[in-house]
Amino acid sequence: MSNNNQVSYHVTVDDKESIQAIPFNRNVWHCGGSTDPNAIKKGNWLSIDIKICHSKSSGLRYRVAEENAVQHIAKHLKQFGWGIK
Protein backbone atom coordinates (compact mmCIF):
# COMPACT_ATOMS: atom_id res chain seq x y z
CA MET A 1 0.00 0.00 0.00
CA SER A 2 1.45 3.38 -0.89
CA ASN A 3 1.08 6.76 0.73
CA ASN A 4 1.08 9.42 -1.96
CA ASN A 5 0.33 12.20 0.54
CA GLN A 6 3.71 11.73 2.28
CA VAL A 7 2.29 12.77 5.65
CA SER A 8 4.67 12.58 8.56
CA TYR A 9 3.00 10.72 11.44
CA HIS A 10 0.43 8.14 12.44
CA VAL A 11 -0.61 9.69 15.76
CA THR A 12 -0.18 13.08 17.40
CA VAL A 13 -0.57 13.51 21.16
CA ASP A 14 -0.84 16.62 23.29
CA ASP A 15 -1.82 17.34 26.87
CA LYS A 16 -5.52 16.88 26.08
CA GLU A 17 -5.94 14.09 23.51
CA SER A 18 -4.41 11.80 20.92
CA ILE A 19 -5.49 11.81 17.29
CA GLN A 20 -4.68 9.07 14.79
CA ALA A 21 -4.27 10.61 11.35
CA ILE A 22 -3.21 7.55 9.35
CA PRO A 23 -4.08 3.87 9.95
CA PHE A 24 -1.19 1.72 11.17
CA ASN A 25 -1.37 -0.45 8.05
CA ARG A 26 -0.21 2.52 5.94
CA ASN A 27 3.33 3.83 5.91
CA VAL A 28 4.13 7.45 6.72
CA TRP A 29 7.21 9.47 5.87
CA HIS A 30 8.89 10.16 9.20
CA CYS A 31 12.31 8.47 9.03
CA GLY A 32 15.15 10.01 7.14
CA GLY A 33 18.68 11.24 7.32
CA SER A 34 20.26 8.06 5.99
CA THR A 35 22.03 7.86 2.66
CA ASP A 36 20.91 4.23 2.39
CA PRO A 37 17.48 4.23 0.68
CA ASN A 38 16.75 0.75 2.07
CA ALA A 39 17.25 1.99 5.64
CA ILE A 40 14.78 4.82 5.08
CA LYS A 41 12.30 2.44 3.45
CA LYS A 42 12.51 -0.01 6.35
CA GLY A 43 12.20 2.75 8.95
CA ASN A 44 9.12 4.23 7.33
CA TRP A 45 7.46 0.90 6.58
CA LEU A 46 8.29 -1.02 9.74
CA SER A 47 7.54 1.54 12.42
CA ILE A 48 4.71 3.64 13.80
CA ASP A 49 5.33 7.35 14.34
CA ILE A 50 3.79 9.13 17.32
CA LYS A 51 4.44 12.85 17.73
CA ILE A 52 4.27 14.61 21.09
CA CYS A 53 3.11 18.17 20.46
CA HIS A 54 4.81 20.08 23.26
CA SER A 55 8.54 20.51 23.77
CA LYS A 56 10.18 19.85 27.12
CA SER A 57 10.30 23.61 27.69
CA SER A 58 6.48 23.58 27.93
CA GLY A 59 6.80 22.24 31.49
CA LEU A 60 3.64 20.63 32.84
CA ARG A 61 1.92 20.55 29.45
CA TYR A 62 4.79 18.46 28.05
CA ARG A 63 4.78 16.08 31.02
CA VAL A 64 1.02 15.55 30.63
CA ALA A 65 1.38 15.08 26.86
CA GLU A 66 4.21 12.60 27.43
CA GLU A 67 2.07 10.60 29.88
CA ASN A 68 -0.81 10.66 27.38
CA ALA A 69 1.58 9.24 24.75
CA VAL A 70 2.66 6.48 27.15
CA GLN A 71 -0.97 5.55 27.76
CA HIS A 72 -1.77 5.63 24.04
CA ILE A 73 1.20 3.40 23.21
CA ALA A 74 0.38 0.97 26.04
CA LYS A 75 -3.18 0.66 24.72
CA HIS A 76 -1.92 -0.37 21.28
CA LEU A 77 0.72 -2.73 22.64
CA LYS A 78 -2.03 -4.54 24.51
CA GLN A 79 -4.54 -4.34 21.63
CA PHE A 80 -2.13 -5.89 19.10
CA GLY A 81 -0.31 -8.21 21.52
CA TRP A 82 3.00 -6.47 20.86
CA GLY A 83 5.91 -6.52 23.30
CA ILE A 84 8.25 -3.69 24.08
CA LYS A 85 11.10 -5.13 22.01
PDB file of N, CA and C in Angstrom:
ATOM      1  N   MET A   1       0.843  -1.161   0.000  1.00  0.00           N
ATOM      2  CA  MET A   1       0.000   0.000   0.000  1.00  0.00           C
ATOM      3  C   MET A   1       0.897   1.236   0.000  1.00  0.00           C
ATOM      4  N   SER A   2       0.613   2.187  -0.829  1.00  0.00           N
ATOM      5  CA  SER A   2       1.450   3.385  -0.893  1.00  0.00           C
ATOM      6  C   SER A   2       0.785   4.553  -0.175  1.00  0.00           C
ATOM      7  N   ASN A   3       1.566   5.558   0.074  1.00  0.00           N
ATOM      8  CA  ASN A   3       1.083   6.765   0.732  1.00  0.00           C
ATOM      9  C   ASN A   3       1.522   7.943  -0.111  1.00  0.00           C
ATOM     10  N   ASN A   4       0.718   8.343  -1.054  1.00  0.00           N
ATOM     11  CA  ASN A   4       1.077   9.421  -1.960  1.00  0.00           C
ATOM     12  C   ASN A   4       1.051  10.797  -1.301  1.00  0.00           C
ATOM     13  N   ASN A   5       0.402  10.912  -0.144  1.00  0.00           N
ATOM     14  CA  ASN A   5       0.329  12.203   0.539  1.00  0.00           C
ATOM     15  C   ASN A   5       1.613  12.536   1.286  1.00  0.00           C
ATOM     16  N   GLN A   6       2.449  11.570   1.563  1.00  0.00           N
ATOM     17  CA  GLN A   6       3.709  11.732   2.278  1.00  0.00           C
ATOM     18  C   GLN A   6       3.533  12.502   3.589  1.00  0.00           C
ATOM     19  N   VAL A   7       2.483  12.169   4.335  1.00  0.00           N
ATOM     20  CA  VAL A   7       2.293  12.774   5.650  1.00  0.00           C
ATOM     21  C   VAL A   7       3.313  12.216   6.617  1.00  0.00           C
ATOM     22  N   SER A   8       3.498  12.877   7.748  1.00  0.00           N
ATOM     23  CA  SER A   8       4.672  12.577   8.556  1.00  0.00           C
ATOM     24  C   SER A   8       4.427  11.828   9.854  1.00  0.00           C
ATOM     25  N   TYR A   9       3.219  11.431  10.179  1.00  0.00           N
ATOM     26  CA  TYR A   9       3.003  10.723  11.438  1.00  0.00           C
ATOM     27  C   TYR A   9       1.733   9.895  11.381  1.00  0.00           C
ATOM     28  N   HIS A  10       1.663   8.905  12.261  1.00  0.00           N
ATOM     29  CA  HIS A  10       0.431   8.138  12.439  1.00  0.00           C
ATOM     30  C   HIS A  10      -0.461   8.796  13.486  1.00  0.00           C
ATOM     31  N   VAL A  11       0.148   9.171  14.622  1.00  0.00           N
ATOM     32  CA  VAL A  11      -0.612   9.690  15.765  1.00  0.00           C
ATOM     33  C   VAL A  11       0.075  10.940  16.293  1.00  0.00           C
ATOM     34  N   THR A  12      -0.708  11.911  16.704  1.00  0.00           N
ATOM     35  CA  THR A  12      -0.183  13.075  17.403  1.00  0.00           C
ATOM     36  C   THR A  12      -0.859  13.153  18.773  1.00  0.00           C
ATOM     37  N   VAL A  13      -0.078  13.499  19.780  1.00  0.00           N
ATOM     38  CA  VAL A  13      -0.569  13.510  21.158  1.00  0.00           C
ATOM     39  C   VAL A  13      -0.201  14.844  21.789  1.00  0.00           C
ATOM     40  N   ASP A  14      -1.157  15.430  22.500  1.00  0.00           N
ATOM     41  CA  ASP A  14      -0.836  16.620  23.289  1.00  0.00           C
ATOM     42  C   ASP A  14      -1.312  16.399  24.718  1.00  0.00           C
ATOM     43  N   ASP A  15      -1.439  17.467  25.466  1.00  0.00           N
ATOM     44  CA  ASP A  15      -1.822  17.344  26.872  1.00  0.00           C
ATOM     45  C   ASP A  15      -3.316  17.102  27.059  1.00  0.00           C
ATOM     46  N   LYS A  16      -4.081  17.075  25.971  1.00  0.00           N
ATOM     47  CA  LYS A  16      -5.522  16.883  26.076  1.00  0.00           C
ATOM     48  C   LYS A  16      -6.030  15.613  25.400  1.00  0.00           C
ATOM     49  N   GLU A  17      -5.416  15.223  24.272  1.00  0.00           N
ATOM     50  CA  GLU A  17      -5.940  14.092  23.506  1.00  0.00           C
ATOM     51  C   GLU A  17      -4.885  13.514  22.572  1.00  0.00           C
ATOM     52  N   SER A  18      -5.232  12.380  21.982  1.00  0.00           N
ATOM     53  CA  SER A  18      -4.414  11.802  20.917  1.00  0.00           C
ATOM     54  C   SER A  18      -5.312  11.632  19.697  1.00  0.00           C
ATOM     55  N   ILE A  19      -4.737  11.900  18.535  1.00  0.00           N
ATOM     56  CA  ILE A  19      -5.492  11.806  17.288  1.00  0.00           C
ATOM     57  C   ILE A  19      -4.694  10.959  16.308  1.00  0.00           C
ATOM     58  N   GLN A  20      -5.325   9.906  15.803  1.00  0.00           N
ATOM     59  CA  GLN A  20      -4.683   9.073  14.791  1.00  0.00           C
ATOM     60  C   GLN A  20      -5.059   9.616  13.430  1.00  0.00           C
ATOM     61  N   ALA A  21      -4.050  10.011  12.662  1.00  0.00           N
ATOM     62  CA  ALA A  21      -4.271  10.612  11.352  1.00  0.00           C
ATOM     63  C   ALA A  21      -4.232   9.582  10.231  1.00  0.00           C
ATOM     64  N   ILE A  22      -3.401   8.563  10.396  1.00  0.00           N
ATOM     65  CA  ILE A  22      -3.208   7.553   9.351  1.00  0.00           C
ATOM     66  C   ILE A  22      -3.307   6.170  10.004  1.00  0.00           C
ATOM     67  N   PRO A  23      -4.021   5.228   9.386  1.00  0.00           N
ATOM     68  CA  PRO A  23      -4.077   3.868   9.946  1.00  0.00           C
ATOM     69  C   PRO A  23      -2.688   3.238  10.013  1.00  0.00           C
ATOM     70  N   PHE A  24      -2.484   2.359  10.970  1.00  0.00           N
ATOM     71  CA  PHE A  24      -1.190   1.720  11.168  1.00  0.00           C
ATOM     72  C   PHE A  24      -0.790   0.813  10.011  1.00  0.00           C
ATOM     73  N   ASN A  25      -1.730   0.411   9.179  1.00  0.00           N
ATOM     74  CA  ASN A  25      -1.374  -0.450   8.049  1.00  0.00           C
ATOM     75  C   ASN A  25      -0.899   0.354   6.835  1.00  0.00           C
ATOM     76  N   ARG A  26      -0.754   1.666   6.993  1.00  0.00           N
ATOM     77  CA  ARG A  26      -0.206   2.525   5.939  1.00  0.00           C
ATOM     78  C   ARG A  26       1.106   3.114   6.416  1.00  0.00           C
ATOM     79  N   ASN A  27       2.059   3.225   5.521  1.00  0.00           N
ATOM     80  CA  ASN A  27       3.330   3.832   5.907  1.00  0.00           C
ATOM     81  C   ASN A  27       3.206   5.355   5.901  1.00  0.00           C
ATOM     82  N   VAL A  28       4.023   5.991   6.720  1.00  0.00           N
ATOM     83  CA  VAL A  28       4.128   7.449   6.720  1.00  0.00           C
ATOM     84  C   VAL A  28       5.597   7.805   6.541  1.00  0.00           C
ATOM     85  N   TRP A  29       5.853   9.035   6.176  1.00  0.00           N
ATOM     86  CA  TRP A  29       7.213   9.474   5.871  1.00  0.00           C
ATOM     87  C   TRP A  29       7.743  10.256   7.065  1.00  0.00           C
ATOM     88  N   HIS A  30       8.394   9.539   7.973  1.00  0.00           N
ATOM     89  CA  HIS A  30       8.891  10.163   9.195  1.00  0.00           C
ATOM     90  C   HIS A  30      10.344   9.835   9.482  1.00  0.00           C
ATOM     91  N   CYS A  31      10.905   8.849   8.806  1.00  0.00           N
ATOM     92  CA  CYS A  31      12.313   8.472   9.028  1.00  0.00           C
ATOM     93  C   CYS A  31      13.144   9.014   7.875  1.00  0.00           C
ATOM     94  N   GLY A  32      14.285   9.484   8.189  1.00  0.00           N
ATOM     95  CA  GLY A  32      15.154  10.010   7.141  1.00  0.00           C
ATOM     96  C   GLY A  32      16.546  10.243   7.675  1.00  0.00           C
ATOM     97  N   GLY A  33      17.336  10.894   6.902  1.00  0.00           N
ATOM     98  CA  GLY A  33      18.677  11.238   7.316  1.00  0.00           C
ATOM     99  C   GLY A  33      19.718  10.202   6.958  1.00  0.00           C
ATOM    100  N   SER A  34      19.313   9.096   6.384  1.00  0.00           N
ATOM    101  CA  SER A  34      20.261   8.061   5.992  1.00  0.00           C
ATOM    102  C   SER A  34      20.525   8.182   4.497  1.00  0.00           C
ATOM    103  N   THR A  35      21.733   7.886   4.084  1.00  0.00           N
ATOM    104  CA  THR A  35      22.032   7.864   2.655  1.00  0.00           C
ATOM    105  C   THR A  35      21.673   6.525   2.030  1.00  0.00           C
ATOM    106  N   ASP A  36      21.308   5.551   2.869  1.00  0.00           N
ATOM    107  CA  ASP A  36      20.912   4.229   2.394  1.00  0.00           C
ATOM    108  C   ASP A  36      19.403   4.211   2.182  1.00  0.00           C
ATOM    109  N   PRO A  37      18.925   4.198   0.928  1.00  0.00           N
ATOM    110  CA  PRO A  37      17.481   4.226   0.680  1.00  0.00           C
ATOM    111  C   PRO A  37      16.746   3.051   1.306  1.00  0.00           C
ATOM    112  N   ASN A  38      17.408   1.901   1.439  1.00  0.00           N
ATOM    113  CA  ASN A  38      16.752   0.754   2.067  1.00  0.00           C
ATOM    114  C   ASN A  38      16.526   0.989   3.556  1.00  0.00           C
ATOM    115  N   ALA A  39      17.426   1.686   4.219  1.00  0.00           N
ATOM    116  CA  ALA A  39      17.255   1.994   5.642  1.00  0.00           C
ATOM    117  C   ALA A  39      16.060   2.909   5.842  1.00  0.00           C
ATOM    118  N   ILE A  40      15.916   3.907   4.986  1.00  0.00           N
ATOM    119  CA  ILE A  40      14.779   4.824   5.081  1.00  0.00           C
ATOM    120  C   ILE A  40      13.482   4.067   4.825  1.00  0.00           C
ATOM    121  N   LYS A  41      13.481   3.223   3.801  1.00  0.00           N
ATOM    122  CA  LYS A  41      12.299   2.437   3.453  1.00  0.00           C
ATOM    123  C   LYS A  41      11.877   1.559   4.626  1.00  0.00           C
ATOM    124  N   LYS A  42      12.832   0.861   5.229  1.00  0.00           N
ATOM    125  CA  LYS A  42      12.508  -0.008   6.353  1.00  0.00           C
ATOM    126  C   LYS A  42      11.985   0.804   7.531  1.00  0.00           C
ATOM    127  N   GLY A  43      12.627   1.924   7.825  1.00  0.00           N
ATOM    128  CA  GLY A  43      12.199   2.751   8.951  1.00  0.00           C
ATOM    129  C   GLY A  43      10.787   3.271   8.778  1.00  0.00           C
ATOM    130  N   ASN A  44      10.462   3.710   7.579  1.00  0.00           N
ATOM    131  CA  ASN A  44       9.122   4.227   7.328  1.00  0.00           C
ATOM    132  C   ASN A  44       8.077   3.117   7.280  1.00  0.00           C
ATOM    133  N   TRP A  45       8.428   1.968   6.764  1.00  0.00           N
ATOM    134  CA  TRP A  45       7.461   0.897   6.581  1.00  0.00           C
ATOM    135  C   TRP A  45       7.318  -0.012   7.781  1.00  0.00           C
ATOM    136  N   LEU A  46       8.314  -0.062   8.642  1.00  0.00           N
ATOM    137  CA  LEU A  46       8.290  -1.023   9.740  1.00  0.00           C
ATOM    138  C   LEU A  46       8.153  -0.367  11.103  1.00  0.00           C
ATOM    139  N   SER A  47       7.692   0.862  11.137  1.00  0.00           N
ATOM    140  CA  SER A  47       7.541   1.538  12.425  1.00  0.00           C
ATOM    141  C   SER A  47       6.285   2.397  12.417  1.00  0.00           C
ATOM    142  N   ILE A  48       5.860   2.757  13.613  1.00  0.00           N
ATOM    143  CA  ILE A  48       4.711   3.643  13.803  1.00  0.00           C
ATOM    144  C   ILE A  48       5.249   4.930  14.407  1.00  0.00           C
ATOM    145  N   ASP A  49       4.829   6.061  13.865  1.00  0.00           N
ATOM    146  CA  ASP A  49       5.330   7.346  14.343  1.00  0.00           C
ATOM    147  C   ASP A  49       4.269   8.047  15.185  1.00  0.00           C
ATOM    148  N   ILE A  50       4.657   8.410  16.400  1.00  0.00           N
ATOM    149  CA  ILE A  50       3.785   9.135  17.318  1.00  0.00           C
ATOM    150  C   ILE A  50       4.492  10.420  17.712  1.00  0.00           C
ATOM    151  N   LYS A  51       3.871  11.534  17.433  1.00  0.00           N
ATOM    152  CA  LYS A  51       4.444  12.850  17.727  1.00  0.00           C
ATOM    153  C   LYS A  51       3.849  13.385  19.024  1.00  0.00           C
ATOM    154  N   ILE A  52       4.717  13.906  19.893  1.00  0.00           N
ATOM    155  CA  ILE A  52       4.271  14.611  21.095  1.00  0.00           C
ATOM    156  C   ILE A  52       4.342  16.097  20.779  1.00  0.00           C
ATOM    157  N   CYS A  53       3.237  16.808  20.965  1.00  0.00           N
ATOM    158  CA  CYS A  53       3.113  18.172  20.458  1.00  0.00           C
ATOM    159  C   CYS A  53       3.848  19.250  21.246  1.00  0.00           C
ATOM    160  N   HIS A  54       4.156  19.042  22.476  1.00  0.00           N
ATOM    161  CA  HIS A  54       4.810  20.085  23.261  1.00  0.00           C
ATOM    162  C   HIS A  54       6.278  19.732  23.478  1.00  0.00           C
ATOM    163  N   SER A  55       7.127  20.743  23.474  1.00  0.00           N
ATOM    164  CA  SER A  55       8.537  20.511  23.772  1.00  0.00           C
ATOM    165  C   SER A  55       8.730  20.442  25.281  1.00  0.00           C
ATOM    166  N   LYS A  56       9.890  19.953  25.688  1.00  0.00           N
ATOM    167  CA  LYS A  56      10.178  19.851  27.118  1.00  0.00           C
ATOM    168  C   LYS A  56      10.106  21.209  27.806  1.00  0.00           C
ATOM    169  N   SER A  57      10.351  22.281  27.084  1.00  0.00           N
ATOM    170  CA  SER A  57      10.296  23.614  27.688  1.00  0.00           C
ATOM    171  C   SER A  57       8.868  24.047  28.024  1.00  0.00           C
ATOM    172  N   SER A  58       7.876  23.260  27.618  1.00  0.00           N
ATOM    173  CA  SER A  58       6.478  23.578  27.934  1.00  0.00           C
ATOM    174  C   SER A  58       6.086  23.153  29.344  1.00  0.00           C
ATOM    175  N   GLY A  59       7.032  22.583  30.090  1.00  0.00           N
ATOM    176  CA  GLY A  59       6.801  22.236  31.489  1.00  0.00           C
ATOM    177  C   GLY A  59       5.710  21.207  31.687  1.00  0.00           C
ATOM    178  N   LEU A  60       4.709  21.562  32.482  1.00  0.00           N
ATOM    179  CA  LEU A  60       3.638  20.631  32.842  1.00  0.00           C
ATOM    180  C   LEU A  60       2.893  20.130  31.609  1.00  0.00           C
ATOM    181  N   ARG A  61       2.642  20.983  30.646  1.00  0.00           N
ATOM    182  CA  ARG A  61       1.917  20.550  29.445  1.00  0.00           C
ATOM    183  C   ARG A  61       2.672  19.420  28.743  1.00  0.00           C
ATOM    184  N   TYR A  62       4.013  19.525  28.673  1.00  0.00           N
ATOM    185  CA  TYR A  62       4.794  18.459  28.051  1.00  0.00           C
ATOM    186  C   TYR A  62       4.708  17.178  28.871  1.00  0.00           C
ATOM    187  N   ARG A  63       4.828  17.284  30.181  1.00  0.00           N
ATOM    188  CA  ARG A  63       4.783  16.084  31.019  1.00  0.00           C
ATOM    189  C   ARG A  63       3.433  15.383  30.887  1.00  0.00           C
ATOM    190  N   VAL A  64       2.352  16.144  30.816  1.00  0.00           N
ATOM    191  CA  VAL A  64       1.020  15.552  30.634  1.00  0.00           C
ATOM    192  C   VAL A  64       0.922  14.931  29.239  1.00  0.00           C
ATOM    193  N   ALA A  65       1.413  15.620  28.223  1.00  0.00           N
ATOM    194  CA  ALA A  65       1.384  15.081  26.860  1.00  0.00           C
ATOM    195  C   ALA A  65       2.211  13.800  26.767  1.00  0.00           C
ATOM    196  N   GLU A  66       3.361  13.798  27.431  1.00  0.00           N
ATOM    197  CA  GLU A  66       4.210  12.604  27.425  1.00  0.00           C
ATOM    198  C   GLU A  66       3.496  11.426  28.096  1.00  0.00           C
ATOM    199  N   GLU A  67       2.826  11.666  29.202  1.00  0.00           N
ATOM    200  CA  GLU A  67       2.072  10.595  29.877  1.00  0.00           C
ATOM    201  C   GLU A  67       0.921  10.123  28.994  1.00  0.00           C
ATOM    202  N   ASN A  68       0.254  11.040  28.307  1.00  0.00           N
ATOM    203  CA  ASN A  68      -0.810  10.655  27.382  1.00  0.00           C
ATOM    204  C   ASN A  68      -0.248   9.759  26.273  1.00  0.00           C
ATOM    205  N   ALA A  69       0.953  10.075  25.783  1.00  0.00           N
ATOM    206  CA  ALA A  69       1.583   9.241  24.747  1.00  0.00           C
ATOM    207  C   ALA A  69       1.886   7.855  25.292  1.00  0.00           C
ATOM    208  N   VAL A  70       2.380   7.782  26.516  1.00  0.00           N
ATOM    209  CA  VAL A  70       2.660   6.482  27.148  1.00  0.00           C
ATOM    210  C   VAL A  70       1.389   5.653  27.222  1.00  0.00           C
ATOM    211  N   GLN A  71       0.301   6.266  27.648  1.00  0.00           N
ATOM    212  CA  GLN A  71      -0.973   5.548  27.761  1.00  0.00           C
ATOM    213  C   GLN A  71      -1.474   5.099  26.388  1.00  0.00           C
ATOM    214  N   HIS A  72      -1.332   5.962  25.396  1.00  0.00           N
ATOM    215  CA  HIS A  72      -1.773   5.627  24.038  1.00  0.00           C
ATOM    216  C   HIS A  72      -0.970   4.441  23.498  1.00  0.00           C
ATOM    217  N   ILE A  73       0.336   4.480  23.676  1.00  0.00           N
ATOM    218  CA  ILE A  73       1.198   3.395  23.206  1.00  0.00           C
ATOM    219  C   ILE A  73       0.881   2.095  23.942  1.00  0.00           C
ATOM    220  N   ALA A  74       0.705   2.171  25.253  1.00  0.00           N
ATOM    221  CA  ALA A  74       0.383   0.971  26.035  1.00  0.00           C
ATOM    222  C   ALA A  74      -0.920   0.341  25.560  1.00  0.00           C
ATOM    223  N   LYS A  75      -1.898   1.165  25.229  1.00  0.00           N
ATOM    224  CA  LYS A  75      -3.178   0.659  24.723  1.00  0.00           C
ATOM    225  C   LYS A  75      -2.965  -0.161  23.456  1.00  0.00           C
ATOM    226  N   HIS A  76      -2.143   0.343  22.537  1.00  0.00           N
ATOM    227  CA  HIS A  76      -1.919  -0.367  21.283  1.00  0.00           C
ATOM    228  C   HIS A  76      -1.040  -1.604  21.475  1.00  0.00           C
ATOM    229  N   LEU A  77      -0.080  -1.534  22.356  1.00  0.00           N
ATOM    230  CA  LEU A  77       0.723  -2.727  22.636  1.00  0.00           C
ATOM    231  C   LEU A  77      -0.180  -3.855  23.109  1.00  0.00           C
ATOM    232  N   LYS A  78      -1.095  -3.531  23.999  1.00  0.00           N
ATOM    233  CA  LYS A  78      -2.033  -4.539  24.506  1.00  0.00           C
ATOM    234  C   LYS A  78      -2.996  -4.993  23.420  1.00  0.00           C
ATOM    235  N   GLN A  79      -3.552  -4.044  22.678  1.00  0.00           N
ATOM    236  CA  GLN A  79      -4.536  -4.344  21.629  1.00  0.00           C
ATOM    237  C   GLN A  79      -3.957  -5.305  20.581  1.00  0.00           C
ATOM    238  N   PHE A  80      -2.730  -5.082  20.160  1.00  0.00           N
ATOM    239  CA  PHE A  80      -2.130  -5.892  19.102  1.00  0.00           C
ATOM    240  C   PHE A  80      -1.279  -7.040  19.620  1.00  0.00           C
ATOM    241  N   GLY A  81      -1.122  -7.145  20.949  1.00  0.00           N
ATOM    242  CA  GLY A  81      -0.313  -8.206  21.518  1.00  0.00           C
ATOM    243  C   GLY A  81       1.169  -8.031  21.257  1.00  0.00           C
ATOM    244  N   TRP A  82       1.605  -6.779  21.128  1.00  0.00           N
ATOM    245  CA  TRP A  82       3.002  -6.475  20.860  1.00  0.00           C
ATOM    246  C   TRP A  82       3.766  -6.349  22.169  1.00  0.00           C
ATOM    247  N   GLY A  83       5.030  -6.720  22.151  1.00  0.00           N
ATOM    248  CA  GLY A  83       5.909  -6.520  23.301  1.00  0.00           C
ATOM    249  C   GLY A  83       6.644  -5.197  23.176  1.00  0.00           C
ATOM    250  N   ILE A  84       7.512  -4.948  24.121  1.00  0.00           N
ATOM    251  CA  ILE A  84       8.248  -3.691  24.084  1.00  0.00           C
ATOM    252  C   ILE A  84       9.553  -3.789  23.293  1.00  0.00           C
ATOM    253  N   LYS A  85       9.898  -4.967  22.830  1.00  0.00           N
ATOM    254  CA  LYS A  85      11.098  -5.129  22.006  1.00  0.00           C
ATOM    255  C   LYS A  85      10.776  -4.767  20.588  1.00  0.00           C
TER     256      LYS A  85
END
